[in-house]
């Protein structure tokens, strides 16, 4: 008699693929309808797969395997407060999500939130990983201005001044 077997990954991260390989015979019939020894799968939920294995002279035997799809940690939002910042000041980077076990920022930090003080506009990456080893990454850009937003609003003017600079009341500033 034949003994049907299934090998390879039986657990992987959401969005991934896995290959299942059957053995123990020469004729294969998977529950997916595929007639080959190996199949590539990418289920979105945990799924049970069955293969029927036979040969020209032996009766069929079946094997079943449960393939577990592990969730990817969710990142609902990432923010920098404040953003933009004036050069020399700091921003706090934080993220909101579920399922994260570890955090790995492009700065080398491994916690949330973190504080950054970039000299120039900089994009920061974070990878979050759950206890099953599934990961998700995202980024945020912290914009840096050289000067703060400065607005001048004169409260007096002289329309009789001959140089023309004071003949209209204007708001002006930088950035």
C-alpha atoms as a PDB file:
ATOM      1  CA  UNK A   1       0.000   0.000   0.000  1.00  0.00           C
ATOM      2  CA  UNK A   2       0.968   3.631  -0.577  1.00  0.00           C
ATOM      3  CA  UNK A   3       1.461   6.156   2.187  1.00  0.00           C
ATOM      4  CA  UNK A   4       0.591   9.700   1.148  1.00  0.00           C
ATOM      5  CA  UNK A   5       2.726  12.493   2.630  1.00  0.00           C
ATOM      6  CA  UNK A   6       2.746  16.286   2.422  1.00  0.00           C
ATOM      7  CA  UNK A   7       5.875  18.310   3.119  1.00  0.00           C
ATOM      8  CA  UNK A   8       7.023  21.921   3.225  1.00  0.00           C
ATOM      9  CA  UNK A   9       5.699  25.025   4.944  1.00  0.00           C
ATOM     10  CA  UNK A  10       2.461  24.743   6.844  1.00  0.00           C
ATOM     11  CA  UNK A  11       2.583  28.259   8.280  1.00  0.00           C
ATOM     12  CA  UNK A  12       3.381  31.575   6.623  1.00  0.00           C
ATOM     13  CA  UNK A  13       2.569  35.272   6.788  1.00  0.00           C
ATOM     14  CA  UNK A  14      -0.516  36.882   5.311  1.00  0.00           C
ATOM     15  CA  UNK A  15       0.066  37.875   1.713  1.00  0.00           C
ATOM     16  CA  UNK A  16       2.767  35.256   1.206  1.00  0.00           C
ATOM     17  CA  UNK A  17       2.867  32.012  -0.723  1.00  0.00           C
ATOM     18  CA  UNK A  18       3.948  28.491   0.144  1.00  0.00           C
ATOM     19  CA  UNK A  19       4.646  25.308  -1.733  1.00  0.00           C
ATOM     20  CA  UNK A  20       3.191  21.956  -0.685  1.00  0.00           C
ATOM     21  CA  UNK A  21       4.760  18.768  -2.012  1.00  0.00           C
ATOM     22  CA  UNK A  22       3.112  15.350  -1.904  1.00  0.00           C
ATOM     23  CA  UNK A  23       4.914  12.045  -1.968  1.00  0.00           C
ATOM     24  CA  UNK A  24       4.254   8.336  -1.751  1.00  0.00           C
ATOM     25  CA  UNK A  25       2.938   7.677  -5.241  1.00  0.00           C
ATOM     26  CA  UNK A  26       2.982   8.722  -8.876  1.00  0.00           C
ATOM     27  CA  UNK A  27      -0.544  10.051  -9.444  1.00  0.00           C
ATOM     28  CA  UNK A  28      -1.677  13.089  -7.438  1.00  0.00           C
ATOM     29  CA  UNK A  29      -4.989  14.859  -6.985  1.00  0.00           C
ATOM     30  CA  UNK A  30      -5.163  17.893  -4.686  1.00  0.00           C
ATOM     31  CA  UNK A  31      -8.331  19.338  -3.165  1.00  0.00           C
ATOM     32  CA  UNK A  32      -7.544  22.424  -5.299  1.00  0.00           C
ATOM     33  CA  UNK A  33      -7.959  20.300  -8.442  1.00  0.00           C
ATOM     34  CA  UNK A  34      -4.287  20.299  -9.397  1.00  0.00           C
ATOM     35  CA  UNK A  35      -2.855  16.944 -10.611  1.00  0.00           C
ATOM     36  CA  UNK A  36       0.815  17.595  -9.753  1.00  0.00           C
ATOM     37  CA  UNK A  37       3.082  16.522  -6.897  1.00  0.00           C
ATOM     38  CA  UNK A  38       3.778  20.140  -5.854  1.00  0.00           C
ATOM     39  CA  UNK A  39       1.390  23.061  -5.659  1.00  0.00           C
ATOM     40  CA  UNK A  40       1.914  26.720  -4.814  1.00  0.00           C
ATOM     41  CA  UNK A  41      -0.705  28.182  -2.508  1.00  0.00           C
ATOM     42  CA  UNK A  42      -1.538  31.665  -1.235  1.00  0.00           C
ATOM     43  CA  UNK A  43      -4.659  31.439   0.916  1.00  0.00           C
ATOM     44  CA  UNK A  44      -5.927  34.524   2.735  1.00  0.00           C
ATOM     45  CA  UNK A  45      -7.165  32.479   5.702  1.00  0.00           C
ATOM     46  CA  UNK A  46      -5.980  29.249   7.323  1.00  0.00           C
ATOM     47  CA  UNK A  47      -7.024  26.395   5.018  1.00  0.00           C
ATOM     48  CA  UNK A  48      -6.924  22.598   5.044  1.00  0.00           C
ATOM     49  CA  UNK A  49      -5.486  20.930   1.918  1.00  0.00           C
ATOM     50  CA  UNK A  50      -5.940  17.269   0.991  1.00  0.00           C
ATOM     51  CA  UNK A  51      -4.052  15.225  -1.560  1.00  0.00           C
ATOM     52  CA  UNK A  52      -4.977  11.821  -2.912  1.00  0.00           C
ATOM     53  CA  UNK A  53      -1.928   9.792  -3.959  1.00  0.00           C
ATOM     54  CA  UNK A  54      -2.050   6.611  -6.029  1.00  0.00           C
ATOM     55  CA  UNK A  55      -0.101   4.657  -8.594  1.00  0.00           C
ATOM     56  CA  UNK A  56      -0.997   2.480 -11.548  1.00  0.00           C
ATOM     57  CA  UNK A  57      -1.037  -0.672  -9.392  1.00  0.00           C
ATOM     58  CA  UNK A  58      -1.831   0.548  -5.841  1.00  0.00           C
ATOM     59  CA  UNK A  59      -5.012   1.986  -4.389  1.00  0.00           C
ATOM     60  CA  UNK A  60      -5.142   5.633  -3.349  1.00  0.00           C
ATOM     61  CA  UNK A  61      -4.191   7.007   0.041  1.00  0.00           C
ATOM     62  CA  UNK A  62      -4.868  10.544   1.262  1.00  0.00           C
ATOM     63  CA  UNK A  63      -3.004  13.044   3.386  1.00  0.00           C
ATOM     64  CA  UNK A  64      -4.299  16.275   4.877  1.00  0.00           C
ATOM     65  CA  UNK A  65      -2.480  19.348   6.144  1.00  0.00           C
ATOM     66  CA  UNK A  66      -3.695  22.535   7.808  1.00  0.00           C
ATOM     67  CA  UNK A  67      -1.895  25.603   6.435  1.00  0.00           C
ATOM     68  CA  UNK A  68      -1.969  28.457   8.933  1.00  0.00           C
ATOM     69  CA  UNK A  69      -1.965  32.047   7.667  1.00  0.00           C
ATOM     70  CA  UNK A  70      -0.437  34.318  10.303  1.00  0.00           C
ATOM     71  CA  UNK A  71      -1.675  37.921  10.383  1.00  0.00           C
ATOM     72  CA  UNK A  72       0.577  40.803   9.484  1.00  0.00           C
ATOM     73  CA  UNK A  73       0.762  43.526  12.134  1.00  0.00           C
ATOM     74  CA  UNK A  74      -1.463  46.458  11.234  1.00  0.00           C
ATOM     75  CA  UNK A  75      -0.239  50.044  11.101  1.00  0.00           C
ATOM     76  CA  UNK A  76      -3.256  52.333  11.220  1.00  0.00           C
ATOM     77  CA  UNK A  77      -1.325  55.600  11.190  1.00  0.00           C
ATOM     78  CA  UNK A  78       2.107  57.119  11.645  1.00  0.00           C
ATOM     79  CA  UNK A  79       2.637  60.742  12.570  1.00  0.00           C
ATOM     80  CA  UNK A  80       5.260  63.321  13.434  1.00  0.00           C
ATOM     81  CA  UNK A  81       4.449  66.056  15.927  1.00  0.00           C
ATOM     82  CA  UNK A  82       5.102  68.787  14.974  1.00  0.00           C
ATOM     83  CA  UNK A  83       5.647  68.538  11.250  1.00  0.00           C
ATOM     84  CA  UNK A  84       7.225  70.603   9.736  1.00  0.00           C
ATOM     85  CA  UNK A  85       9.850  71.649  12.270  1.00  0.00           C
ATOM     86  CA  UNK A  86      12.319  74.511  12.370  1.00  0.00           C
ATOM     87  CA  UNK A  87      15.941  73.377  11.967  1.00  0.00           C
ATOM     88  CA  UNK A  88      17.390  72.497  15.385  1.00  0.00           C
ATOM     89  CA  UNK A  89      14.030  71.511  16.869  1.00  0.00           C
ATOM     90  CA  UNK A  90      12.666  68.007  17.445  1.00  0.00           C
ATOM     91  CA  UNK A  91       9.663  65.998  16.321  1.00  0.00           C
ATOM     92  CA  UNK A  92       8.100  63.004  18.059  1.00  0.00           C
ATOM     93  CA  UNK A  93       7.404  60.040  15.748  1.00  0.00           C
ATOM     94  CA  UNK A  94       4.609  57.731  16.808  1.00  0.00           C
ATOM     95  CA  UNK A  95       2.507  55.051  15.206  1.00  0.00           C
ATOM     96  CA  UNK A  96      -0.827  53.489  15.966  1.00  0.00           C
ATOM     97  CA  UNK A  97      -1.499  49.876  15.112  1.00  0.00           C
ATOM     98  CA  UNK A  98      -2.169  46.381  16.402  1.00  0.00           C
ATOM     99  CA  UNK A  99      -0.262  43.135  16.582  1.00  0.00           C
ATOM    100  CA  UNK A 100       3.276  44.515  16.791  1.00  0.00           C
ATOM    101  CA  UNK A 101       5.816  42.726  18.962  1.00  0.00           C
ATOM    102  CA  UNK A 102       8.976  44.620  17.975  1.00  0.00           C
ATOM    103  CA  UNK A 103       9.738  47.966  16.319  1.00  0.00           C
ATOM    104  CA  UNK A 104      12.817  48.712  14.250  1.00  0.00           C
ATOM    105  CA  UNK A 105      13.281  52.321  13.122  1.00  0.00           C
ATOM    106  CA  UNK A 106      15.773  53.424  10.477  1.00  0.00           C
ATOM    107  CA  UNK A 107      17.432  55.404  13.315  1.00  0.00           C
ATOM    108  CA  UNK A 108      18.187  52.177  15.196  1.00  0.00           C
ATOM    109  CA  UNK A 109      15.545  52.906  17.852  1.00  0.00           C
ATOM    110  CA  UNK A 110      13.342  49.987  18.909  1.00  0.00           C
ATOM    111  CA  UNK A 111      10.563  51.695  20.876  1.00  0.00           C
ATOM    112  CA  UNK A 112       7.598  53.945  20.255  1.00  0.00           C
ATOM    113  CA  UNK A 113       7.430  56.876  20.290  1.00  0.00           C
ATOM    114  CA  UNK A 114      10.863  58.195  19.312  1.00  0.00           C
ATOM    115  CA  UNK A 115      12.192  61.745  19.134  1.00  0.00           C
ATOM    116  CA  UNK A 116      14.215  62.920  16.123  1.00  0.00           C
ATOM    117  CA  UNK A 117      16.105  66.156  15.416  1.00  0.00           C
ATOM    118  CA  UNK A 118      17.000  66.128  11.718  1.00  0.00           C
ATOM    119  CA  UNK A 119      19.097  68.888  10.138  1.00  0.00           C
ATOM    120  CA  UNK A 120      17.355  68.458   6.790  1.00  0.00           C
ATOM    121  CA  UNK A 121      14.049  67.056   5.575  1.00  0.00           C
ATOM    122  CA  UNK A 122      14.343  63.324   6.323  1.00  0.00           C
ATOM    123  CA  UNK A 123      12.254  60.197   5.703  1.00  0.00           C
ATOM    124  CA  UNK A 124      12.165  57.709   8.591  1.00  0.00           C
ATOM    125  CA  UNK A 125      11.238  54.035   8.156  1.00  0.00           C
ATOM    126  CA  UNK A 126       9.844  51.678  10.761  1.00  0.00           C
ATOM    127  CA  UNK A 127       9.355  47.918  10.512  1.00  0.00           C
ATOM    128  CA  UNK A 128       6.968  46.306  12.977  1.00  0.00           C
ATOM    129  CA  UNK A 129       7.118  42.555  13.536  1.00  0.00           C
ATOM    130  CA  UNK A 130       4.710  40.276  15.402  1.00  0.00           C
ATOM    131  CA  UNK A 131       5.450  37.176  17.464  1.00  0.00           C
ATOM    132  CA  UNK A 132       4.983  34.914  14.390  1.00  0.00           C
ATOM    133  CA  UNK A 133       7.734  36.794  12.525  1.00  0.00           C
ATOM    134  CA  UNK A 134       5.387  38.602  10.131  1.00  0.00           C
ATOM    135  CA  UNK A 135       6.325  42.206   9.445  1.00  0.00           C
ATOM    136  CA  UNK A 136       4.961  45.410   7.962  1.00  0.00           C
ATOM    137  CA  UNK A 137       6.819  48.619   7.260  1.00  0.00           C
ATOM    138  CA  UNK A 138       5.931  52.226   6.620  1.00  0.00           C
ATOM    139  CA  UNK A 139       7.608  55.604   6.529  1.00  0.00           C
ATOM    140  CA  UNK A 140       7.084  59.242   7.383  1.00  0.00           C
ATOM    141  CA  UNK A 141       8.885  62.349   6.205  1.00  0.00           C
ATOM    142  CA  UNK A 142       9.763  65.093   8.679  1.00  0.00           C
ATOM    143  CA  UNK A 143      10.052  68.402   6.863  1.00  0.00           C
ATOM    144  CA  UNK A 144      12.669  70.866   8.116  1.00  0.00           C
ATOM    145  CA  UNK A 145      12.610  74.615   7.483  1.00  0.00           C
ATOM    146  CA  UNK A 146      15.658  76.787   8.077  1.00  0.00           C
ATOM    147  CA  UNK A 147      13.659  79.549   9.686  1.00  0.00           C
ATOM    148  CA  UNK A 148      10.383  79.550  11.476  1.00  0.00           C
ATOM    149  CA  UNK A 149       7.285  80.914   9.820  1.00  0.00           C
ATOM    150  CA  UNK A 150       7.730  84.630  10.381  1.00  0.00           C
ATOM    151  CA  UNK A 151       4.914  86.985   9.452  1.00  0.00           C
ATOM    152  CA  UNK A 152       5.194  90.759   9.623  1.00  0.00           C
ATOM    153  CA  UNK A 153       2.056  92.836   9.835  1.00  0.00           C
ATOM    154  CA  UNK A 154       2.859  96.547  10.013  1.00  0.00           C
ATOM    155  CA  UNK A 155       0.465  98.568  12.127  1.00  0.00           C
ATOM    156  CA  UNK A 156       1.388 101.975  10.644  1.00  0.00           C
ATOM    157  CA  UNK A 157       2.220 103.375   7.236  1.00  0.00           C
ATOM    158  CA  UNK A 158       2.817 106.778   5.702  1.00  0.00           C
ATOM    159  CA  UNK A 159       1.130 107.362   2.353  1.00  0.00           C
ATOM    160  CA  UNK A 160       3.042 110.632   1.885  1.00  0.00           C
ATOM    161  CA  UNK A 161       6.481 109.006   2.107  1.00  0.00           C
ATOM    162  CA  UNK A 162       8.293 109.635  -1.184  1.00  0.00           C
ATOM    163  CA  UNK A 163      10.174 106.325  -1.439  1.00  0.00           C
ATOM    164  CA  UNK A 164       7.067 104.252  -2.268  1.00  0.00           C
ATOM    165  CA  UNK A 165       7.760 101.524   0.305  1.00  0.00           C
ATOM    166  CA  UNK A 166       5.240 102.893   2.753  1.00  0.00           C
ATOM    167  CA  UNK A 167       2.445 103.783   0.367  1.00  0.00           C
ATOM    168  CA  UNK A 168       0.531 100.491   0.821  1.00  0.00           C
ATOM    169  CA  UNK A 169      -0.106  98.334   3.854  1.00  0.00           C
ATOM    170  CA  UNK A 170       1.144  94.786   3.131  1.00  0.00           C
ATOM    171  CA  UNK A 171       1.592  91.572   5.072  1.00  0.00           C
ATOM    172  CA  UNK A 172       4.982  89.966   4.355  1.00  0.00           C
ATOM    173  CA  UNK A 173       7.280  87.354   5.856  1.00  0.00           C
ATOM    174  CA  UNK A 174       9.404  84.273   5.307  1.00  0.00           C
ATOM    175  CA  UNK A 175       8.465  80.661   4.651  1.00  0.00           C
END
